[in-house]
Amino acid sequence: MWVTILLSFLYAGTGIVATIGYFPTIKDLIRGKKSANISSYVIWTSCALIVFLYSLIVISDLLLAIVTGLNFLSCAVILFLAIRLELIKK
């Protein structure tokens, strides 16, 4: 039982750490520095969306849905900002 609680806590922690890891890229993009490859983020955002929907609909696991949702949201924000920056610079 304690192993399950510990793993749940650690898993939630990795989701938070991973989300914080996206902040430097988001900050760069907001400041106008091109620091994200749009093609890569199209793939990563699409994959993150599928994993998020799978966790939400098929598995119905709230913690997994939150962690994958944060990942999807982070990728989507980066993709949006990268595309916006590309359009502004043209």
N, C-alpha and C. Protein backbone atom coordinates (compact mmCIF):
# COMPACT_ATOMS: atom_id res chain seq x y z
N MET A 1 0.83 -1.20 0.00
CA MET A 1 0.00 0.00 0.00
C MET A 1 0.87 1.26 0.00
N TRP A 2 1.90 1.30 0.86
CA TRP A 2 2.75 2.49 0.91
C TRP A 2 3.50 2.69 -0.40
N VAL A 3 3.77 1.59 -1.11
CA VAL A 3 4.47 1.69 -2.39
C VAL A 3 3.57 2.41 -3.41
N THR A 4 2.31 2.09 -3.40
CA THR A 4 1.35 2.74 -4.30
C THR A 4 1.26 4.23 -4.01
N ILE A 5 1.20 4.58 -2.76
CA ILE A 5 1.13 6.00 -2.38
C ILE A 5 2.41 6.72 -2.79
N LEU A 6 3.55 6.09 -2.53
CA LEU A 6 4.84 6.69 -2.89
C LEU A 6 4.94 6.87 -4.40
N LEU A 7 4.58 5.85 -5.16
CA LEU A 7 4.64 5.96 -6.62
C LEU A 7 3.69 7.02 -7.16
N SER A 8 2.52 7.13 -6.58
CA SER A 8 1.57 8.17 -6.99
C SER A 8 2.14 9.55 -6.73
N PHE A 9 2.75 9.73 -5.57
CA PHE A 9 3.36 11.00 -5.22
C PHE A 9 4.51 11.33 -6.17
N LEU A 10 5.37 10.34 -6.42
CA LEU A 10 6.51 10.55 -7.32
C LEU A 10 6.04 10.83 -8.75
N TYR A 11 5.00 10.13 -9.19
CA TYR A 11 4.49 10.34 -10.54
C TYR A 11 3.94 11.76 -10.69
N ALA A 12 3.19 12.22 -9.69
CA ALA A 12 2.68 13.59 -9.72
C ALA A 12 3.85 14.58 -9.74
N GLY A 13 4.88 14.27 -9.00
CA GLY A 13 6.06 15.13 -8.97
C GLY A 13 6.76 15.22 -10.31
N THR A 14 6.85 14.10 -11.01
CA THR A 14 7.49 14.13 -12.33
C THR A 14 6.66 14.97 -13.31
N GLY A 15 5.36 14.95 -13.17
CA GLY A 15 4.51 15.78 -14.03
C GLY A 15 4.75 17.26 -13.79
N ILE A 16 4.93 17.62 -12.52
CA ILE A 16 5.20 19.02 -12.18
C ILE A 16 6.58 19.43 -12.68
N VAL A 17 7.58 18.59 -12.44
CA VAL A 17 8.94 18.89 -12.89
C VAL A 17 8.99 19.01 -14.41
N ALA A 18 8.33 18.10 -15.11
CA ALA A 18 8.31 18.15 -16.58
C ALA A 18 7.66 19.44 -17.07
N THR A 19 6.59 19.85 -16.44
CA THR A 19 5.91 21.09 -16.82
C THR A 19 6.82 22.29 -16.58
N ILE A 20 7.50 22.32 -15.44
CA ILE A 20 8.43 23.41 -15.15
C ILE A 20 9.56 23.42 -16.18
N GLY A 21 9.93 22.25 -16.68
CA GLY A 21 10.99 22.16 -17.68
C GLY A 21 10.64 22.86 -19.00
N TYR A 22 9.38 23.06 -19.26
CA TYR A 22 8.96 23.76 -20.48
C TYR A 22 9.06 25.29 -20.33
N PHE A 23 9.14 25.80 -19.11
CA PHE A 23 9.12 27.24 -18.89
C PHE A 23 10.22 28.01 -19.61
N PRO A 24 11.47 27.53 -19.64
CA PRO A 24 12.50 28.31 -20.37
C PRO A 24 12.17 28.49 -21.86
N THR A 25 11.64 27.46 -22.49
CA THR A 25 11.27 27.57 -23.91
C THR A 25 10.12 28.55 -24.08
N ILE A 26 9.13 28.47 -23.20
CA ILE A 26 7.99 29.40 -23.26
C ILE A 26 8.49 30.83 -23.07
N LYS A 27 9.37 31.04 -22.10
CA LYS A 27 9.92 32.37 -21.84
C LYS A 27 10.68 32.89 -23.05
N ASP A 28 11.51 32.05 -23.66
CA ASP A 28 12.25 32.46 -24.86
C ASP A 28 11.29 32.88 -25.97
N LEU A 29 10.27 32.09 -26.20
CA LEU A 29 9.33 32.40 -27.28
C LEU A 29 8.57 33.69 -27.00
N ILE A 30 8.19 33.92 -25.76
CA ILE A 30 7.50 35.16 -25.41
C ILE A 30 8.41 36.36 -25.66
N ARG A 31 9.70 36.18 -25.41
CA ARG A 31 10.68 37.27 -25.62
C ARG A 31 11.14 37.39 -27.07
N GLY A 32 10.59 36.56 -27.96
CA GLY A 32 10.90 36.68 -29.38
C GLY A 32 12.09 35.86 -29.84
N LYS A 33 12.60 34.98 -28.99
CA LYS A 33 13.73 34.13 -29.37
C LYS A 33 13.19 32.80 -29.89
N LYS A 34 13.55 32.49 -31.13
CA LYS A 34 13.09 31.23 -31.73
C LYS A 34 13.83 30.08 -31.07
N SER A 35 13.13 29.32 -30.23
CA SER A 35 13.80 28.25 -29.49
C SER A 35 13.01 26.94 -29.54
N ALA A 36 12.09 26.84 -30.47
CA ALA A 36 11.30 25.61 -30.58
C ALA A 36 11.10 25.28 -32.06
N ASN A 37 11.34 24.04 -32.40
CA ASN A 37 11.14 23.57 -33.76
C ASN A 37 9.66 23.26 -33.96
N ILE A 38 9.01 23.96 -34.86
CA ILE A 38 7.57 23.81 -35.05
C ILE A 38 7.21 22.40 -35.48
N SER A 39 7.97 21.83 -36.39
CA SER A 39 7.66 20.47 -36.85
C SER A 39 7.70 19.47 -35.69
N SER A 40 8.70 19.60 -34.84
CA SER A 40 8.80 18.71 -33.68
C SER A 40 7.62 18.90 -32.74
N TYR A 41 7.26 20.15 -32.49
CA TYR A 41 6.17 20.41 -31.56
C TYR A 41 4.79 20.05 -32.13
N VAL A 42 4.66 20.03 -33.44
CA VAL A 42 3.41 19.51 -34.03
C VAL A 42 3.28 18.03 -33.67
N ILE A 43 4.37 17.30 -33.82
CA ILE A 43 4.35 15.86 -33.49
C ILE A 43 4.14 15.65 -32.01
N TRP A 44 4.92 16.37 -31.16
CA TRP A 44 4.84 16.18 -29.72
C TRP A 44 3.46 16.59 -29.18
N THR A 45 2.91 17.67 -29.72
CA THR A 45 1.59 18.12 -29.26
C THR A 45 0.52 17.12 -29.68
N SER A 46 0.60 16.61 -30.89
CA SER A 46 -0.37 15.61 -31.35
C SER A 46 -0.29 14.33 -30.50
N CYS A 47 0.92 13.87 -30.25
CA CYS A 47 1.10 12.68 -29.41
C CYS A 47 0.60 12.93 -27.99
N ALA A 48 0.92 14.09 -27.45
CA ALA A 48 0.49 14.43 -26.09
C ALA A 48 -1.04 14.49 -26.01
N LEU A 49 -1.69 15.00 -27.05
CA LEU A 49 -3.15 15.04 -27.07
C LEU A 49 -3.73 13.64 -27.06
N ILE A 50 -3.18 12.76 -27.87
CA ILE A 50 -3.68 11.38 -27.92
C ILE A 50 -3.50 10.69 -26.57
N VAL A 51 -2.33 10.85 -25.96
CA VAL A 51 -2.09 10.23 -24.65
C VAL A 51 -3.03 10.81 -23.60
N PHE A 52 -3.23 12.12 -23.63
CA PHE A 52 -4.15 12.77 -22.69
C PHE A 52 -5.58 12.24 -22.85
N LEU A 53 -6.05 12.17 -24.08
CA LEU A 53 -7.40 11.67 -24.32
C LEU A 53 -7.53 10.20 -23.92
N TYR A 54 -6.51 9.41 -24.18
CA TYR A 54 -6.52 8.00 -23.80
C TYR A 54 -6.59 7.87 -22.29
N SER A 55 -5.79 8.67 -21.58
CA SER A 55 -5.81 8.60 -20.12
C SER A 55 -7.15 9.06 -19.56
N LEU A 56 -7.76 10.00 -20.22
CA LEU A 56 -9.03 10.56 -19.75
C LEU A 56 -10.21 9.65 -20.07
N ILE A 57 -10.26 9.12 -21.29
CA ILE A 57 -11.43 8.39 -21.77
C ILE A 57 -11.30 6.88 -21.56
N VAL A 58 -10.18 6.31 -21.93
CA VAL A 58 -10.03 4.86 -21.89
C VAL A 58 -9.65 4.37 -20.49
N ILE A 59 -8.61 4.98 -19.93
CA ILE A 59 -8.13 4.51 -18.63
C ILE A 59 -8.92 5.13 -17.48
N SER A 60 -9.38 6.34 -17.66
CA SER A 60 -10.14 7.07 -16.62
C SER A 60 -9.36 7.18 -15.32
N ASP A 61 -8.11 7.56 -15.43
CA ASP A 61 -7.24 7.75 -14.27
C ASP A 61 -7.00 9.24 -14.10
N LEU A 62 -7.48 9.81 -13.01
CA LEU A 62 -7.41 11.25 -12.81
C LEU A 62 -5.97 11.75 -12.73
N LEU A 63 -5.12 11.09 -11.97
CA LEU A 63 -3.74 11.53 -11.84
C LEU A 63 -3.01 11.47 -13.19
N LEU A 64 -3.20 10.40 -13.91
CA LEU A 64 -2.59 10.27 -15.23
C LEU A 64 -3.13 11.34 -16.17
N ALA A 65 -4.42 11.61 -16.10
CA ALA A 65 -5.03 12.64 -16.95
C ALA A 65 -4.46 14.02 -16.63
N ILE A 66 -4.22 14.30 -15.36
CA ILE A 66 -3.67 15.60 -14.97
C ILE A 66 -2.24 15.73 -15.50
N VAL A 67 -1.43 14.71 -15.29
CA VAL A 67 -0.03 14.76 -15.73
C VAL A 67 0.06 14.86 -17.25
N THR A 68 -0.69 14.03 -17.96
CA THR A 68 -0.65 14.08 -19.42
C THR A 68 -1.31 15.34 -19.95
N GLY A 69 -2.30 15.84 -19.24
CA GLY A 69 -2.94 17.10 -19.63
C GLY A 69 -1.98 18.27 -19.50
N LEU A 70 -1.19 18.29 -18.43
CA LEU A 70 -0.18 19.34 -18.27
C LEU A 70 0.85 19.28 -19.39
N ASN A 71 1.25 18.07 -19.75
CA ASN A 71 2.21 17.90 -20.84
C ASN A 71 1.61 18.40 -22.16
N PHE A 72 0.37 18.02 -22.43
CA PHE A 72 -0.30 18.47 -23.65
C PHE A 72 -0.43 19.99 -23.67
N LEU A 73 -0.85 20.56 -22.56
CA LEU A 73 -1.03 22.01 -22.49
C LEU A 73 0.29 22.73 -22.71
N SER A 74 1.35 22.23 -22.11
CA SER A 74 2.67 22.84 -22.28
C SER A 74 3.12 22.79 -23.74
N CYS A 75 2.97 21.63 -24.36
CA CYS A 75 3.35 21.49 -25.78
C CYS A 75 2.50 22.39 -26.66
N ALA A 76 1.21 22.47 -26.38
CA ALA A 76 0.31 23.30 -27.19
C ALA A 76 0.66 24.78 -27.06
N VAL A 77 1.00 25.22 -25.85
CA VAL A 77 1.40 26.62 -25.64
C VAL A 77 2.68 26.91 -26.43
N ILE A 78 3.65 26.02 -26.36
CA ILE A 78 4.90 26.22 -27.09
C ILE A 78 4.64 26.24 -28.59
N LEU A 79 3.83 25.32 -29.07
CA LEU A 79 3.50 25.29 -30.50
C LEU A 79 2.82 26.58 -30.93
N PHE A 80 1.85 27.03 -30.16
CA PHE A 80 1.15 28.28 -30.47
C PHE A 80 2.11 29.46 -30.51
N LEU A 81 2.96 29.56 -29.48
CA LEU A 81 3.91 30.68 -29.43
C LEU A 81 4.93 30.62 -30.56
N ALA A 82 5.38 29.43 -30.91
CA ALA A 82 6.35 29.28 -32.00
C ALA A 82 5.74 29.68 -33.34
N ILE A 83 4.51 29.26 -33.57
CA ILE A 83 3.82 29.62 -34.82
C ILE A 83 3.57 31.13 -34.85
N ARG A 84 3.14 31.68 -33.73
CA ARG A 84 2.89 33.12 -33.65
C ARG A 84 4.17 33.90 -33.94
N LEU A 85 5.29 33.46 -33.36
CA LEU A 85 6.56 34.14 -33.59
C LEU A 85 6.97 34.05 -35.05
N GLU A 86 6.77 32.89 -35.65
CA GLU A 86 7.10 32.71 -37.06
C GLU A 86 6.27 33.64 -37.95
N LEU A 87 5.00 33.78 -37.62
CA LEU A 87 4.12 34.66 -38.42
C LEU A 87 4.47 36.14 -38.22
N ILE A 88 4.86 36.50 -37.01
CA ILE A 88 5.22 37.89 -36.71
C ILE A 88 6.51 38.27 -37.46
N LYS A 89 7.44 37.35 -37.52
CA LYS A 89 8.75 37.65 -38.15
C LYS A 89 8.68 37.68 -39.66
N LYS A 90 7.58 37.24 -40.26
CA LYS A 90 7.47 37.26 -41.72
C LYS A 90 7.02 38.60 -42.23
